[in-house]
């Protein structure tokens, strides 16, 4: 008798593309934020987040489940709020 075992695994995180990083940096440039103070992880997550880190830098995590341009539009006010701009 054969026994079948189903193993559930967490899906691998989606990679953030160079084009997406460029778009995020264009947005932060528009807000006159110094690129040295922006951290963008190379893996998207669900949900995406924008937060100020203890060292004062702004971490911008792309949302893995929302179309990128929609997410970026929604992230703009949060980036402004976190940065104080």
C-alpha atoms as a PDB file:
ATOM      1  CA  UNK A   1       0.000   0.000   0.000  1.00  0.00           C
ATOM      2  CA  UNK A   2       1.376   3.413  -1.008  1.00  0.00           C
ATOM      3  CA  UNK A   3       1.133   6.275   1.404  1.00  0.00           C
ATOM      4  CA  UNK A   4       1.033   9.813   0.087  1.00  0.00           C
ATOM      5  CA  UNK A   5       2.242  12.624   2.292  1.00  0.00           C
ATOM      6  CA  UNK A   6       1.447  16.185   1.416  1.00  0.00           C
ATOM      7  CA  UNK A   7       3.926  18.685   2.772  1.00  0.00           C
ATOM      8  CA  UNK A   8       2.752  22.269   2.898  1.00  0.00           C
ATOM      9  CA  UNK A   9       5.502  24.777   2.469  1.00  0.00           C
ATOM     10  CA  UNK A  10       5.508  28.506   2.654  1.00  0.00           C
ATOM     11  CA  UNK A  11       5.853  29.989  -0.835  1.00  0.00           C
ATOM     12  CA  UNK A  12       9.211  31.536  -1.569  1.00  0.00           C
ATOM     13  CA  UNK A  13       9.222  35.313  -1.241  1.00  0.00           C
ATOM     14  CA  UNK A  14       8.896  37.310  -4.428  1.00  0.00           C
ATOM     15  CA  UNK A  15      11.997  39.182  -5.465  1.00  0.00           C
ATOM     16  CA  UNK A  16      11.873  42.952  -5.796  1.00  0.00           C
ATOM     17  CA  UNK A  17      13.136  43.865  -9.259  1.00  0.00           C
ATOM     18  CA  UNK A  18      15.708  46.507 -10.113  1.00  0.00           C
ATOM     19  CA  UNK A  19      12.967  48.401 -11.985  1.00  0.00           C
ATOM     20  CA  UNK A  20      10.785  48.408  -8.855  1.00  0.00           C
ATOM     21  CA  UNK A  21      13.675  49.635  -6.692  1.00  0.00           C
ATOM     22  CA  UNK A  22      14.270  52.393  -9.238  1.00  0.00           C
ATOM     23  CA  UNK A  23      10.592  53.442  -9.052  1.00  0.00           C
ATOM     24  CA  UNK A  24      10.695  53.530  -5.240  1.00  0.00           C
ATOM     25  CA  UNK A  25      13.860  55.642  -5.309  1.00  0.00           C
ATOM     26  CA  UNK A  26      12.292  57.998  -7.854  1.00  0.00           C
ATOM     27  CA  UNK A  27       9.406  58.473  -5.431  1.00  0.00           C
ATOM     28  CA  UNK A  28      11.710  59.088  -2.466  1.00  0.00           C
ATOM     29  CA  UNK A  29      13.725  61.529  -4.632  1.00  0.00           C
ATOM     30  CA  UNK A  30      10.486  63.440  -5.361  1.00  0.00           C
ATOM     31  CA  UNK A  31       9.956  63.642  -1.594  1.00  0.00           C
ATOM     32  CA  UNK A  32      13.553  64.918  -1.254  1.00  0.00           C
ATOM     33  CA  UNK A  33      14.593  62.010   0.951  1.00  0.00           C
ATOM     34  CA  UNK A  34      18.267  61.098   1.076  1.00  0.00           C
ATOM     35  CA  UNK A  35      18.828  57.692  -0.546  1.00  0.00           C
ATOM     36  CA  UNK A  36      21.328  56.839   2.187  1.00  0.00           C
ATOM     37  CA  UNK A  37      18.407  56.764   4.636  1.00  0.00           C
ATOM     38  CA  UNK A  38      16.241  54.387   2.580  1.00  0.00           C
ATOM     39  CA  UNK A  39      16.372  50.596   2.978  1.00  0.00           C
ATOM     40  CA  UNK A  40      14.530  48.371   0.495  1.00  0.00           C
ATOM     41  CA  UNK A  41      14.719  44.626   1.211  1.00  0.00           C
ATOM     42  CA  UNK A  42      15.175  42.512  -1.913  1.00  0.00           C
ATOM     43  CA  UNK A  43      12.267  40.216  -1.008  1.00  0.00           C
ATOM     44  CA  UNK A  44       8.651  41.343  -1.025  1.00  0.00           C
ATOM     45  CA  UNK A  45       6.432  40.408   1.921  1.00  0.00           C
ATOM     46  CA  UNK A  46       2.764  40.255   2.736  1.00  0.00           C
ATOM     47  CA  UNK A  47       1.784  42.711   3.904  1.00  0.00           C
ATOM     48  CA  UNK A  48       4.272  45.277   2.669  1.00  0.00           C
ATOM     49  CA  UNK A  49       5.370  47.876   5.202  1.00  0.00           C
ATOM     50  CA  UNK A  50       6.875  51.314   5.523  1.00  0.00           C
ATOM     51  CA  UNK A  51       8.454  52.058   8.879  1.00  0.00           C
ATOM     52  CA  UNK A  52      11.162  54.054  10.550  1.00  0.00           C
ATOM     53  CA  UNK A  53      13.937  51.849  11.913  1.00  0.00           C
ATOM     54  CA  UNK A  54      15.596  52.480  15.295  1.00  0.00           C
ATOM     55  CA  UNK A  55      18.636  53.897  13.446  1.00  0.00           C
ATOM     56  CA  UNK A  56      16.407  56.530  11.791  1.00  0.00           C
ATOM     57  CA  UNK A  57      16.409  54.951   8.330  1.00  0.00           C
ATOM     58  CA  UNK A  58      13.153  54.259   6.501  1.00  0.00           C
ATOM     59  CA  UNK A  59      12.503  50.647   5.566  1.00  0.00           C
ATOM     60  CA  UNK A  60      10.218  50.157   2.566  1.00  0.00           C
ATOM     61  CA  UNK A  61       9.045  46.561   2.073  1.00  0.00           C
ATOM     62  CA  UNK A  62       7.172  45.907  -1.175  1.00  0.00           C
ATOM     63  CA  UNK A  63       3.858  44.072  -0.781  1.00  0.00           C
ATOM     64  CA  UNK A  64       3.998  40.654  -2.441  1.00  0.00           C
ATOM     65  CA  UNK A  65       0.238  40.401  -2.981  1.00  0.00           C
ATOM     66  CA  UNK A  66      -0.658  43.798  -4.441  1.00  0.00           C
ATOM     67  CA  UNK A  67       0.191  44.913  -8.002  1.00  0.00           C
ATOM     68  CA  UNK A  68       3.343  47.002  -7.665  1.00  0.00           C
ATOM     69  CA  UNK A  69       2.050  50.291  -9.095  1.00  0.00           C
ATOM     70  CA  UNK A  70      -1.067  50.112  -6.909  1.00  0.00           C
ATOM     71  CA  UNK A  71       1.080  49.406  -3.872  1.00  0.00           C
ATOM     72  CA  UNK A  72       3.500  52.242  -4.693  1.00  0.00           C
ATOM     73  CA  UNK A  73       0.638  54.736  -5.027  1.00  0.00           C
ATOM     74  CA  UNK A  74      -0.751  53.634  -1.661  1.00  0.00           C
ATOM     75  CA  UNK A  75       2.716  53.647  -0.061  1.00  0.00           C
ATOM     76  CA  UNK A  76       3.453  57.282  -0.953  1.00  0.00           C
ATOM     77  CA  UNK A  77       1.393  58.861   1.878  1.00  0.00           C
ATOM     78  CA  UNK A  78       2.832  56.370   4.358  1.00  0.00           C
ATOM     79  CA  UNK A  79       6.390  57.233   3.251  1.00  0.00           C
ATOM     80  CA  UNK A  80       5.555  60.919   3.672  1.00  0.00           C
ATOM     81  CA  UNK A  81       4.114  60.284   7.127  1.00  0.00           C
ATOM     82  CA  UNK A  82       7.058  58.199   8.330  1.00  0.00           C
ATOM     83  CA  UNK A  83       9.614  60.638   6.914  1.00  0.00           C
ATOM     84  CA  UNK A  84       7.841  63.712   8.235  1.00  0.00           C
ATOM     85  CA  UNK A  85       7.862  65.325   4.785  1.00  0.00           C
END
